[in-house]
Each structure stands twice: as C-alpha cells, then as structure tokens.
Amino acid sequence: MKRYSILLVSILVFLALIALNAVGETFRVATYNVENYLDQPTESRQFIKSGPAKAKIRESIRAANPDVLALEEMGTTNALLELRNSLKTEGDDFPYWDEVEGTDTNIHIAVLSKLPIIARHPHTSESFLLDGRRFHVSRGFAEVEIRAATDFTFTLIAAHLKSRRPSPEADQAEQRLQEAKVLREIVDEHLKANPDAKLIVLGDFNDVKDSPSTKELIGRGKFKLVDTRPAEHNGDNAPPEKPWYDPPRITWTHFYGKEDSYSRIDYILLSPAMADDWVKRETYIPRVPNWGVGSDHRPIVTTFTTN
C-alpha cells in the first residue's frame, strides 16, 4: 500500500511539473509618469516632490507589482536612486536600473528592473526637421534589453513625447508627431532586422489613440504594434456599442486639472512576436485610493509569459 502511495505522489508531482511547464513563468511590465519627481527645483520646474506624494507613488508601484518599470518625469539620478532605495526599504527591490537624459535637463526617462538588464542603447541625440528648423527629441528614448528567462529576452523602449502644452518654437502637435516618427523609425529598424523581435514600446505618448502621433507610432501592416489597452479590473465586461469601437472599459490614465478632463495618453504597445506572450487577463490599471496625491497619471501594467 505504501508503495502505491509513493507511486501516486510521484505521478501527481510529474503532472504538476507538466502543468507548470505549460503555463510558464510570468513577469509584469509597467509604465508610470511620476509627475516631476524632483529632489531639487530646476529652472523651469520649481516644486520638489513632497513626502506624502512620494509615499503615494510607492504605493501605486506596489499595487502594479511590476518586474520592470518605466518611469517618466523622473528628476536627477539622485532622485531615481532615492525612489529605488525607498522601494527596497519597503521590500520591493529593483537591482537593475537605467536613466536617459535628453536635451530637456529637468525631467528624464528611467527604468527600474528586477530582471537583468543585459544591454543598453540610449537614444539621446535624435532630431528632426520642422519648418526648416532642427529640433531634438527633448527627453530622448530609453532602450534596454532584458532577460526574463534563460531563453527569453526582450527589448523595452520607453518614451515621453512632447506635451500638449503650447510651444513658442513650433506647433506642439506637429512636434509630437515628428517625435513619434523618429520613435517609429527605431521600431522599424528592429523589426526589419528581425520580424520576430520581441519589443515593448511604452510610456507617456501625450495624446489619444486616434491622434496622428499615436497612430503613426502604432503603425500599420504586418509590423503594426498591438495596443494592450490596460483597464481597471472592476467587473466591466459589456461589448462595444459598435463593433469598430473598443469595449467601454475604464482606461483613462491622466487627469488634466485645468480642463477637468480624463484621458488615456499612457500606453504599452507590443510587436507581433511579443503579443504572442501577452497575458490579456492580467493587463490592468491598479485602483489606488487618492492616487492623485502622487501624480496626475496612473500606472498601467501588462503581464507576459516566458513559455
């Protein structure tokens, strides 16, 4: 009888291992505009991040529970390391990090990761012509290669496109469109070199899905990027009113106090090969009480499997 029990346990363990292998390991990727996470005033941004605001940002990050986190509107490297160290003190360790500084010296793009960053390819000097003038992509683009498993690596490209605030230099929408075109060229270079490249393109794109800049970045044809469209997990499951619309989920990511408006301007986009590893049901916007204490944006998170 004992021998049969041991045999039964062995069979159950074997079946469990098969099931685990079928499911595969998962990891989460998030993006979060932390709204002027400054540790000292700058020429154009005078307010530093308060203690309660920092605490709420950490709470929002914990709610997203990411393995890889892209950050927009990060201040100096000291500010990034303060956030990283504070998260570690609270039990959330991100041993790998990267930060990119473009021509805008006030706010930067950063990446915190629990998974190994095995290569860095920062884009800090990209430029474009507009109305006969040369402009630089003001925040640059962070590009890192990350190993999620022994045989699974992916490339993450983080961006913070031109804001919708009026610019004295040129039309803000046209500037944003040109930055999106530059970013799309980087994406196309990857996909032309390797159509099966696993790419995640994410960040604050500062416009709605139907805008020229967002449509330019998403692209078309066989290299069109997949919009993961994270939404709140609140029970909504109604179909769209019209089949060509997205379902009516709560997907807004940004509150603009001046207009009293809510909009979706933060995105996680995937190359076709990366979309094959996407876990749709674990793609969402964390619901955090008093989220606006930390930032005027909410984090969004997407889950993937390495199987």
C-alpha atoms as a PDB file:
ATOM      1  CA  MET A   1       0.000   0.000   0.000  1.00  0.00           C
ATOM      2  CA  LYS A   2       2.846   2.334   0.886  1.00  0.00           C
ATOM      3  CA  ARG A   3       4.465   1.624  -2.490  1.00  0.00           C
ATOM      4  CA  TYR A   4       1.244   2.584  -4.307  1.00  0.00           C
ATOM      5  CA  SER A   5       1.046   5.799  -2.279  1.00  0.00           C
ATOM      6  CA  ILE A   6       4.578   6.732  -3.254  1.00  0.00           C
ATOM      7  CA  LEU A   7       3.780   5.932  -6.890  1.00  0.00           C
ATOM      8  CA  LEU A   8       0.641   8.093  -6.750  1.00  0.00           C
ATOM      9  CA  VAL A   9       2.562  11.009  -5.254  1.00  0.00           C
ATOM     10  CA  SER A  10       5.225  10.662  -7.954  1.00  0.00           C
ATOM     11  CA  ILE A  11       2.571  10.740 -10.674  1.00  0.00           C
ATOM     12  CA  LEU A  12       0.939  13.814  -9.161  1.00  0.00           C
ATOM     13  CA  VAL A  13       4.283  15.613  -8.939  1.00  0.00           C
ATOM     14  CA  PHE A  14       5.028  14.710 -12.559  1.00  0.00           C
ATOM     15  CA  LEU A  15       1.648  16.021 -13.713  1.00  0.00           C
ATOM     16  CA  ALA A  16       2.174  19.220 -11.711  1.00  0.00           C
ATOM     17  CA  LEU A  17       5.540  19.784 -13.386  1.00  0.00           C
ATOM     18  CA  ILE A  18       3.944  19.298 -16.798  1.00  0.00           C
ATOM     19  CA  ALA A  19       1.234  21.807 -15.936  1.00  0.00           C
ATOM     20  CA  LEU A  20       3.776  24.323 -14.630  1.00  0.00           C
ATOM     21  CA  ASN A  21       5.814  23.975 -17.800  1.00  0.00           C
ATOM     22  CA  ALA A  22       2.679  24.511 -19.905  1.00  0.00           C
ATOM     23  CA  VAL A  23       1.798  27.710 -18.046  1.00  0.00           C
ATOM     24  CA  GLY A  24       5.345  29.031 -17.916  1.00  0.00           C
ATOM     25  CA  GLU A  25       6.732  31.777 -15.734  1.00  0.00           C
ATOM     26  CA  THR A  26       5.172  35.215 -15.925  1.00  0.00           C
ATOM     27  CA  PHE A  27       6.501  38.728 -15.470  1.00  0.00           C
ATOM     28  CA  ARG A  28       4.912  42.170 -15.338  1.00  0.00           C
ATOM     29  CA  VAL A  29       5.902  45.344 -17.174  1.00  0.00           C
ATOM     30  CA  ALA A  30       4.530  48.744 -16.148  1.00  0.00           C
ATOM     31  CA  THR A  31       4.898  52.400 -17.053  1.00  0.00           C
ATOM     32  CA  TYR A  32       4.215  55.373 -14.784  1.00  0.00           C
ATOM     33  CA  ASN A  33       4.593  59.125 -15.240  1.00  0.00           C
ATOM     34  CA  VAL A  34       5.540  60.222 -11.719  1.00  0.00           C
ATOM     35  CA  GLU A  35       4.926  63.951 -12.387  1.00  0.00           C
ATOM     36  CA  ASN A  36       8.018  65.976 -11.599  1.00  0.00           C
ATOM     37  CA  TYR A  37       9.751  63.560  -9.252  1.00  0.00           C
ATOM     38  CA  LEU A  38      12.343  66.201  -8.367  1.00  0.00           C
ATOM     39  CA  ASP A  39      14.630  66.370  -5.356  1.00  0.00           C
ATOM     40  CA  GLN A  40      15.586  69.969  -6.123  1.00  0.00           C
ATOM     41  CA  PRO A  41      13.981  72.826  -8.095  1.00  0.00           C
ATOM     42  CA  THR A  42      15.056  73.436 -11.668  1.00  0.00           C
ATOM     43  CA  GLU A  43      14.906  76.500 -13.872  1.00  0.00           C
ATOM     44  CA  SER A  44      11.513  75.567 -15.309  1.00  0.00           C
ATOM     45  CA  ARG A  45      10.107  73.319 -12.545  1.00  0.00           C
ATOM     46  CA  GLN A  46      10.075  74.841  -9.092  1.00  0.00           C
ATOM     47  CA  PHE A  47       8.359  72.269  -6.894  1.00  0.00           C
ATOM     48  CA  ILE A  48      10.105  69.245  -5.408  1.00  0.00           C
ATOM     49  CA  LYS A  49       8.233  66.030  -4.630  1.00  0.00           C
ATOM     50  CA  SER A  50       6.754  66.016  -1.129  1.00  0.00           C
ATOM     51  CA  GLY A  51       6.992  63.120   1.306  1.00  0.00           C
ATOM     52  CA  PRO A  52       3.283  62.204   1.058  1.00  0.00           C
ATOM     53  CA  ALA A  53       3.452  62.342  -2.752  1.00  0.00           C
ATOM     54  CA  LYS A  54       6.484  60.032  -2.786  1.00  0.00           C
ATOM     55  CA  ALA A  55       4.723  57.617  -0.440  1.00  0.00           C
ATOM     56  CA  LYS A  56       1.657  57.504  -2.712  1.00  0.00           C
ATOM     57  CA  ILE A  57       3.849  56.862  -5.744  1.00  0.00           C
ATOM     58  CA  ARG A  58       5.463  53.920  -3.959  1.00  0.00           C
ATOM     59  CA  GLU A  59       2.004  52.633  -3.020  1.00  0.00           C
ATOM     60  CA  SER A  60       0.916  52.847  -6.651  1.00  0.00           C
ATOM     61  CA  ILE A  61       4.049  50.990  -7.777  1.00  0.00           C
ATOM     62  CA  ARG A  62       3.421  48.243  -5.227  1.00  0.00           C
ATOM     63  CA  ALA A  63      -0.170  47.965  -6.475  1.00  0.00           C
ATOM     64  CA  ALA A  64       1.118  47.418 -10.007  1.00  0.00           C
ATOM     65  CA  ASN A  65       3.733  44.959  -8.690  1.00  0.00           C
ATOM     66  CA  PRO A  66       5.963  45.215 -11.779  1.00  0.00           C
ATOM     67  CA  ASP A  67       9.123  43.292 -12.529  1.00  0.00           C
ATOM     68  CA  VAL A  68      10.117  46.041 -14.989  1.00  0.00           C
ATOM     69  CA  LEU A  69       9.005  49.649 -14.532  1.00  0.00           C
ATOM     70  CA  ALA A  70       9.448  52.551 -16.969  1.00  0.00           C
ATOM     71  CA  LEU A  71       9.263  55.991 -15.362  1.00  0.00           C
ATOM     72  CA  GLU A  72       8.605  59.359 -16.969  1.00  0.00           C
ATOM     73  CA  GLU A  73       9.234  62.808 -15.466  1.00  0.00           C
ATOM     74  CA  MET A  74      11.992  61.494 -13.213  1.00  0.00           C
ATOM     75  CA  GLY A  75      14.394  64.124 -11.889  1.00  0.00           C
ATOM     76  CA  THR A  76      18.113  63.645 -11.329  1.00  0.00           C
ATOM     77  CA  THR A  77      19.828  60.304 -10.893  1.00  0.00           C
ATOM     78  CA  ASN A  78      19.835  61.071  -7.164  1.00  0.00           C
ATOM     79  CA  ALA A  79      16.030  61.309  -7.250  1.00  0.00           C
ATOM     80  CA  LEU A  80      15.807  57.971  -9.075  1.00  0.00           C
ATOM     81  CA  LEU A  81      18.119  56.254  -6.595  1.00  0.00           C
ATOM     82  CA  GLU A  82      16.158  57.728  -3.677  1.00  0.00           C
ATOM     83  CA  LEU A  83      12.975  56.181  -5.073  1.00  0.00           C
ATOM     84  CA  ARG A  84      14.752  52.892  -5.743  1.00  0.00           C
ATOM     85  CA  ASN A  85      16.220  52.780  -2.218  1.00  0.00           C
ATOM     86  CA  SER A  86      12.883  53.701  -0.625  1.00  0.00           C
ATOM     87  CA  LEU A  87      11.161  50.888  -2.510  1.00  0.00           C
ATOM     88  CA  LYS A  88      13.871  48.472  -1.378  1.00  0.00           C
ATOM     89  CA  THR A  89      13.417  49.517   2.252  1.00  0.00           C
ATOM     90  CA  GLU A  90       9.744  48.600   1.889  1.00  0.00           C
ATOM     91  CA  GLY A  91      10.622  45.192   0.445  1.00  0.00           C
ATOM     92  CA  ASP A  92      10.471  45.920  -3.294  1.00  0.00           C
ATOM     93  CA  ASP A  93      13.998  45.562  -4.680  1.00  0.00           C
ATOM     94  CA  PHE A  94      14.904  46.647  -8.225  1.00  0.00           C
ATOM     95  CA  PRO A  95      18.612  45.789  -8.534  1.00  0.00           C
ATOM     96  CA  TYR A  96      18.908  46.934 -12.158  1.00  0.00           C
ATOM     97  CA  TRP A  97      18.254  50.434 -13.424  1.00  0.00           C
ATOM     98  CA  ASP A  98      18.859  52.832 -16.273  1.00  0.00           C
ATOM     99  CA  GLU A  99      18.233  56.536 -16.868  1.00  0.00           C
ATOM    100  CA  VAL A 100      18.287  58.598 -20.059  1.00  0.00           C
ATOM    101  CA  GLU A 101      18.740  62.354 -20.260  1.00  0.00           C
ATOM    102  CA  GLY A 102      17.790  64.146 -23.464  1.00  0.00           C
ATOM    103  CA  THR A 103      18.064  67.830 -24.236  1.00  0.00           C
ATOM    104  CA  ASP A 104      15.478  68.506 -21.520  1.00  0.00           C
ATOM    105  CA  THR A 105      17.691  68.541 -18.427  1.00  0.00           C
ATOM    106  CA  ASN A 106      14.767  68.883 -15.996  1.00  0.00           C
ATOM    107  CA  ILE A 107      12.973  65.554 -16.344  1.00  0.00           C
ATOM    108  CA  HIS A 108      14.193  62.205 -17.606  1.00  0.00           C
ATOM    109  CA  ILE A 109      13.114  58.701 -18.577  1.00  0.00           C
ATOM    110  CA  ALA A 110      14.206  55.858 -16.308  1.00  0.00           C
ATOM    111  CA  VAL A 111      13.830  52.093 -15.994  1.00  0.00           C
ATOM    112  CA  LEU A 112      13.827  50.039 -12.795  1.00  0.00           C
ATOM    113  CA  SER A 113      14.037  46.268 -13.166  1.00  0.00           C
ATOM    114  CA  LYS A 114      14.057  43.123 -11.063  1.00  0.00           C
ATOM    115  CA  LEU A 115      15.135  41.251 -14.195  1.00  0.00           C
ATOM    116  CA  PRO A 116      18.698  41.583 -15.544  1.00  0.00           C
ATOM    117  CA  ILE A 117      19.328  44.411 -17.988  1.00  0.00           C
ATOM    118  CA  ILE A 118      21.843  42.854 -20.369  1.00  0.00           C
ATOM    119  CA  ALA A 119      22.263  45.715 -22.852  1.00  0.00           C
ATOM    120  CA  ARG A 120      21.581  49.446 -23.052  1.00  0.00           C
ATOM    121  CA  HIS A 121      21.088  51.511 -26.201  1.00  0.00           C
ATOM    122  CA  PRO A 122      20.045  55.023 -25.102  1.00  0.00           C
ATOM    123  CA  HIS A 123      18.753  57.453 -27.711  1.00  0.00           C
ATOM    124  CA  THR A 124      19.757  60.932 -26.571  1.00  0.00           C
ATOM    125  CA  SER A 125      20.570  62.911 -29.726  1.00  0.00           C
ATOM    126  CA  GLU A 126      17.780  62.010 -32.202  1.00  0.00           C
ATOM    127  CA  SER A 127      16.491  65.015 -34.134  1.00  0.00           C
ATOM    128  CA  PHE A 128      14.091  66.064 -36.900  1.00  0.00           C
ATOM    129  CA  LEU A 129      13.426  68.976 -39.238  1.00  0.00           C
ATOM    130  CA  LEU A 130      10.268  71.013 -38.761  1.00  0.00           C
ATOM    131  CA  ASP A 131       9.502  74.211 -40.677  1.00  0.00           C
ATOM    132  CA  GLY A 132      13.129  74.418 -41.722  1.00  0.00           C
ATOM    133  CA  ARG A 133      14.440  74.177 -38.165  1.00  0.00           C
ATOM    134  CA  ARG A 134      16.272  71.356 -36.433  1.00  0.00           C
ATOM    135  CA  PHE A 135      14.647  70.030 -33.252  1.00  0.00           C
ATOM    136  CA  HIS A 136      15.842  67.339 -30.866  1.00  0.00           C
ATOM    137  CA  VAL A 137      13.656  64.721 -29.192  1.00  0.00           C
ATOM    138  CA  SER A 138      13.651  66.535 -25.884  1.00  0.00           C
ATOM    139  CA  ARG A 139      13.518  63.570 -23.478  1.00  0.00           C
ATOM    140  CA  GLY A 140      15.238  61.016 -25.687  1.00  0.00           C
ATOM    141  CA  PHE A 141      14.251  57.338 -25.596  1.00  0.00           C
ATOM    142  CA  ALA A 142      15.419  54.641 -23.206  1.00  0.00           C
ATOM    143  CA  GLU A 143      16.150  51.312 -24.863  1.00  0.00           C
ATOM    144  CA  VAL A 144      17.217  48.295 -22.817  1.00  0.00           C
ATOM    145  CA  GLU A 145      17.421  44.586 -23.488  1.00  0.00           C
ATOM    146  CA  ILE A 146      16.119  42.491 -20.600  1.00  0.00           C
ATOM    147  CA  ARG A 147      16.455  38.784 -19.840  1.00  0.00           C
ATOM    148  CA  ALA A 148      13.212  37.410 -18.403  1.00  0.00           C
ATOM    149  CA  ALA A 149      14.341  33.755 -18.501  1.00  0.00           C
ATOM    150  CA  THR A 150      17.324  31.746 -19.683  1.00  0.00           C
ATOM    151  CA  ASP A 151      15.982  31.594 -23.249  1.00  0.00           C
ATOM    152  CA  PHE A 152      13.706  34.653 -23.213  1.00  0.00           C
ATOM    153  CA  THR A 153      14.898  38.204 -23.815  1.00  0.00           C
ATOM    154  CA  PHE A 154      13.001  41.262 -24.986  1.00  0.00           C
ATOM    155  CA  THR A 155      13.703  44.884 -25.846  1.00  0.00           C
ATOM    156  CA  LEU A 156      11.935  47.653 -23.963  1.00  0.00           C
ATOM    157  CA  ILE A 157      11.774  51.159 -25.455  1.00  0.00           C
ATOM    158  CA  ALA A 158      10.416  53.888 -23.166  1.00  0.00           C
ATOM    159  CA  ALA A 159       9.329  57.316 -24.386  1.00  0.00           C
ATOM    160  CA  HIS A 160       7.841  60.574 -23.162  1.00  0.00           C
ATOM    161  CA  LEU A 161       6.643  62.503 -26.191  1.00  0.00           C
ATOM    162  CA  LYS A 162       6.136  66.266 -26.430  1.00  0.00           C
ATOM    163  CA  SER A 163       3.392  67.552 -24.138  1.00  0.00           C
ATOM    164  CA  ARG A 164       0.199  69.163 -25.381  1.00  0.00           C
ATOM    165  CA  ARG A 165       1.175  72.479 -23.846  1.00  0.00           C
ATOM    166  CA  PRO A 166       1.684  75.254 -26.436  1.00  0.00           C
ATOM    167  CA  SER A 167       5.283  75.758 -27.529  1.00  0.00           C
ATOM    168  CA  PRO A 168       6.777  79.077 -28.663  1.00  0.00           C
ATOM    169  CA  GLU A 169       9.033  77.214 -31.092  1.00  0.00           C
ATOM    170  CA  ALA A 170       6.515  75.245 -33.158  1.00  0.00           C
ATOM    171  CA  ASP A 171       3.087  73.642 -33.128  1.00  0.00           C
ATOM    172  CA  GLN A 172       3.057  71.193 -30.210  1.00  0.00           C
ATOM    173  CA  ALA A 173       1.036  68.540 -32.081  1.00  0.00           C
ATOM    174  CA  GLU A 174       3.427  68.647 -35.025  1.00  0.00           C
ATOM    175  CA  GLN A 175       6.423  68.362 -32.700  1.00  0.00           C
ATOM    176  CA  ARG A 176       4.855  65.325 -31.063  1.00  0.00           C
ATOM    177  CA  LEU A 177       4.106  63.772 -34.456  1.00  0.00           C
ATOM    178  CA  GLN A 178       7.713  64.204 -35.554  1.00  0.00           C
ATOM    179  CA  GLU A 179       8.979  62.647 -32.309  1.00  0.00           C
ATOM    180  CA  ALA A 180       6.613  59.730 -32.886  1.00  0.00           C
ATOM    181  CA  LYS A 181       8.001  59.300 -36.398  1.00  0.00           C
ATOM    182  CA  VAL A 182      11.552  59.152 -35.030  1.00  0.00           C
ATOM    183  CA  LEU A 183      10.494  56.548 -32.479  1.00  0.00           C
ATOM    184  CA  ARG A 184       8.675  54.546 -35.151  1.00  0.00           C
ATOM    185  CA  GLU A 185      11.845  54.501 -37.249  1.00  0.00           C
ATOM    186  CA  ILE A 186      13.687  52.912 -34.320  1.00  0.00           C
ATOM    187  CA  VAL A 187      10.936  50.301 -34.012  1.00  0.00           C
ATOM    188  CA  ASP A 188      11.033  49.581 -37.755  1.00  0.00           C
ATOM    189  CA  GLU A 189      14.795  49.116 -37.677  1.00  0.00           C
ATOM    190  CA  HIS A 190      14.353  46.361 -35.100  1.00  0.00           C
ATOM    191  CA  LEU A 191      11.514  44.651 -36.956  1.00  0.00           C
ATOM    192  CA  LYS A 192      13.165  44.838 -40.380  1.00  0.00           C
ATOM    193  CA  ALA A 193      16.303  43.272 -38.934  1.00  0.00           C
ATOM    194  CA  ASN A 194      14.245  40.615 -37.155  1.00  0.00           C
ATOM    195  CA  PRO A 195      10.482  40.330 -37.833  1.00  0.00           C
ATOM    196  CA  ASP A 196      10.210  38.108 -34.743  1.00  0.00           C
ATOM    197  CA  ALA A 197      11.807  40.674 -32.428  1.00  0.00           C
ATOM    198  CA  LYS A 198      10.140  40.896 -29.031  1.00  0.00           C
ATOM    199  CA  LEU A 199       9.564  44.617 -28.467  1.00  0.00           C
ATOM    200  CA  ILE A 200       7.660  46.549 -25.824  1.00  0.00           C
ATOM    201  CA  VAL A 201       7.186  50.246 -26.630  1.00  0.00           C
ATOM    202  CA  LEU A 202       5.681  52.133 -23.724  1.00  0.00           C
ATOM    203  CA  GLY A 203       5.418  55.413 -21.880  1.00  0.00           C
ATOM    204  CA  ASP A 204       3.584  58.712 -21.898  1.00  0.00           C
ATOM    205  CA  PHE A 205       2.741  59.495 -25.530  1.00  0.00           C
ATOM    206  CA  ASN A 206       0.741  62.599 -24.556  1.00  0.00           C
ATOM    207  CA  ASP A 207      -2.171  62.068 -26.920  1.00  0.00           C
ATOM    208  CA  VAL A 208      -5.222  59.900 -27.512  1.00  0.00           C
ATOM    209  CA  LYS A 209      -5.281  56.766 -29.660  1.00  0.00           C
ATOM    210  CA  ASP A 210      -6.875  58.447 -32.678  1.00  0.00           C
ATOM    211  CA  SER A 211      -4.302  61.263 -32.800  1.00  0.00           C
ATOM    212  CA  PRO A 212      -1.816  61.438 -35.699  1.00  0.00           C
ATOM    213  CA  SER A 213       1.170  60.882 -33.395  1.00  0.00           C
ATOM    214  CA  THR A 214      -0.243  57.781 -31.688  1.00  0.00           C
ATOM    215  CA  LYS A 215      -1.446  56.301 -34.988  1.00  0.00           C
ATOM    216  CA  GLU A 216       1.977  56.956 -36.505  1.00  0.00           C
ATOM    217  CA  LEU A 217       3.656  55.081 -33.684  1.00  0.00           C
ATOM    218  CA  ILE A 218       1.277  52.124 -33.734  1.00  0.00           C
ATOM    219  CA  GLY A 219       1.838  51.819 -37.476  1.00  0.00           C
ATOM    220  CA  ARG A 220       0.089  49.588 -39.976  1.00  0.00           C
ATOM    221  CA  GLY A 221       0.537  46.355 -41.885  1.00  0.00           C
ATOM    222  CA  LYS A 222       2.488  43.351 -40.683  1.00  0.00           C
ATOM    223  CA  PHE A 223       4.595  45.437 -38.281  1.00  0.00           C
ATOM    224  CA  LYS A 224       1.652  47.170 -36.652  1.00  0.00           C
ATOM    225  CA  LEU A 225       2.062  47.332 -32.879  1.00  0.00           C
ATOM    226  CA  VAL A 226      -0.578  45.847 -30.586  1.00  0.00           C
ATOM    227  CA  ASP A 227      -2.240  48.235 -28.154  1.00  0.00           C
ATOM    228  CA  THR A 228      -2.698  46.349 -24.860  1.00  0.00           C
ATOM    229  CA  ARG A 229      -5.220  48.945 -23.586  1.00  0.00           C
ATOM    230  CA  PRO A 230      -4.994  48.290 -19.819  1.00  0.00           C
ATOM    231  CA  ALA A 231      -8.223  48.918 -17.924  1.00  0.00           C
ATOM    232  CA  GLU A 232      -9.500  48.785 -14.364  1.00  0.00           C
ATOM    233  CA  HIS A 233     -10.444  45.358 -13.021  1.00  0.00           C
ATOM    234  CA  ASN A 234     -13.887  46.480 -11.865  1.00  0.00           C
ATOM    235  CA  GLY A 235     -16.168  43.877 -13.421  1.00  0.00           C
ATOM    236  CA  ASP A 236     -16.958  45.691 -16.684  1.00  0.00           C
ATOM    237  CA  ASN A 237     -17.486  43.147 -19.457  1.00  0.00           C
ATOM    238  CA  ALA A 238     -20.059  44.743 -21.781  1.00  0.00           C
ATOM    239  CA  PRO A 239     -19.288  44.558 -25.518  1.00  0.00           C
ATOM    240  CA  PRO A 240     -18.673  47.738 -27.504  1.00  0.00           C
ATOM    241  CA  GLU A 241     -21.675  49.703 -28.740  1.00  0.00           C
ATOM    242  CA  LYS A 242     -20.323  49.443 -32.271  1.00  0.00           C
ATOM    243  CA  PRO A 243     -18.028  46.615 -33.435  1.00  0.00           C
ATOM    244  CA  TRP A 244     -15.322  49.004 -34.649  1.00  0.00           C
ATOM    245  CA  TYR A 245     -15.038  50.636 -31.199  1.00  0.00           C
ATOM    246  CA  ASP A 246     -13.118  49.316 -28.202  1.00  0.00           C
ATOM    247  CA  PRO A 247     -15.183  47.925 -25.295  1.00  0.00           C
ATOM    248  CA  PRO A 248     -16.353  50.535 -22.741  1.00  0.00           C
ATOM    249  CA  ARG A 249     -13.738  49.888 -20.079  1.00  0.00           C
ATOM    250  CA  ILE A 250     -12.296  52.450 -17.660  1.00  0.00           C
ATOM    251  CA  THR A 251      -8.924  53.058 -19.314  1.00  0.00           C
ATOM    252  CA  TRP A 252      -8.056  56.698 -18.558  1.00  0.00           C
ATOM    253  CA  THR A 253      -4.527  57.247 -17.283  1.00  0.00           C
ATOM    254  CA  HIS A 254      -4.231  61.028 -16.874  1.00  0.00           C
ATOM    255  CA  PHE A 255      -6.200  63.796 -15.178  1.00  0.00           C
ATOM    256  CA  TYR A 256      -5.762  67.340 -16.512  1.00  0.00           C
ATOM    257  CA  GLY A 257      -6.973  69.682 -13.792  1.00  0.00           C
ATOM    258  CA  LYS A 258      -7.176  72.788 -15.969  1.00  0.00           C
ATOM    259  CA  GLU A 259      -9.785  71.149 -18.212  1.00  0.00           C
ATOM    260  CA  ASP A 260     -11.207  68.804 -15.566  1.00  0.00           C
ATOM    261  CA  SER A 261     -10.652  66.021 -18.125  1.00  0.00           C
ATOM    262  CA  TYR A 262      -9.564  62.396 -18.014  1.00  0.00           C
ATOM    263  CA  SER A 263      -7.816  60.756 -20.965  1.00  0.00           C
ATOM    264  CA  ARG A 264      -5.754  57.741 -21.984  1.00  0.00           C
ATOM    265  CA  ILE A 265      -2.340  59.020 -23.005  1.00  0.00           C
ATOM    266  CA  ASP A 266      -0.092  56.321 -21.479  1.00  0.00           C
ATOM    267  CA  TYR A 267       0.437  53.140 -23.482  1.00  0.00           C
ATOM    268  CA  ILE A 268       2.067  49.731 -23.588  1.00  0.00           C
ATOM    269  CA  LEU A 269       2.457  48.621 -27.216  1.00  0.00           C
ATOM    270  CA  LEU A 270       3.775  45.255 -28.400  1.00  0.00           C
ATOM    271  CA  SER A 271       5.422  43.893 -31.507  1.00  0.00           C
ATOM    272  CA  PRO A 272       3.543  40.935 -33.051  1.00  0.00           C
ATOM    273  CA  ALA A 273       6.010  38.415 -31.566  1.00  0.00           C
ATOM    274  CA  MET A 274       5.757  39.961 -28.098  1.00  0.00           C
ATOM    275  CA  ALA A 275       1.970  39.910 -28.339  1.00  0.00           C
ATOM    276  CA  ASP A 276       2.156  36.111 -28.589  1.00  0.00           C
ATOM    277  CA  ASP A 277       3.404  36.104 -24.968  1.00  0.00           C
ATOM    278  CA  TRP A 278       0.866  38.624 -23.694  1.00  0.00           C
ATOM    279  CA  VAL A 279      -1.459  37.584 -20.836  1.00  0.00           C
ATOM    280  CA  LYS A 280      -4.507  39.753 -21.568  1.00  0.00           C
ATOM    281  CA  ARG A 281      -6.439  38.995 -18.391  1.00  0.00           C
ATOM    282  CA  GLU A 282      -3.543  40.295 -16.279  1.00  0.00           C
ATOM    283  CA  THR A 283      -3.319  43.647 -18.064  1.00  0.00           C
ATOM    284  CA  TYR A 284      -4.833  46.412 -15.982  1.00  0.00           C
ATOM    285  CA  ILE A 285      -4.774  49.780 -14.218  1.00  0.00           C
ATOM    286  CA  PRO A 286      -4.352  49.474 -10.436  1.00  0.00           C
ATOM    287  CA  ARG A 287      -7.063  51.185  -8.423  1.00  0.00           C
ATOM    288  CA  VAL A 288      -5.306  53.141  -5.662  1.00  0.00           C
ATOM    289  CA  PRO A 289      -7.203  55.419  -3.253  1.00  0.00           C
ATOM    290  CA  ASN A 290      -6.139  59.068  -3.540  1.00  0.00           C
ATOM    291  CA  TRP A 291      -3.857  58.177  -6.442  1.00  0.00           C
ATOM    292  CA  GLY A 292      -3.659  61.872  -7.422  1.00  0.00           C
ATOM    293  CA  VAL A 293      -1.624  62.705  -4.319  1.00  0.00           C
ATOM    294  CA  GLY A 294       1.333  61.093  -6.049  1.00  0.00           C
ATOM    295  CA  SER A 295       0.931  62.075  -9.699  1.00  0.00           C
ATOM    296  CA  ASP A 296      -1.575  63.289 -12.265  1.00  0.00           C
ATOM    297  CA  HIS A 297      -1.058  59.938 -14.057  1.00  0.00           C
ATOM    298  CA  ARG A 298      -1.916  56.377 -13.054  1.00  0.00           C
ATOM    299  CA  PRO A 299       0.429  53.436 -13.692  1.00  0.00           C
ATOM    300  CA  ILE A 300      -0.552  50.767 -16.212  1.00  0.00           C
ATOM    301  CA  VAL A 301       0.716  47.196 -16.164  1.00  0.00           C
ATOM    302  CA  THR A 302       0.857  44.265 -18.592  1.00  0.00           C
ATOM    303  CA  THR A 303       1.755  40.627 -17.911  1.00  0.00           C
ATOM    304  CA  PHE A 304       3.667  38.181 -20.118  1.00  0.00           C
ATOM    305  CA  THR A 305       4.567  34.518 -20.051  1.00  0.00           C
ATOM    306  CA  THR A 306       8.016  33.166 -20.878  1.00  0.00           C
ATOM    307  CA  ASN A 307       6.677  29.809 -22.054  1.00  0.00           C
END
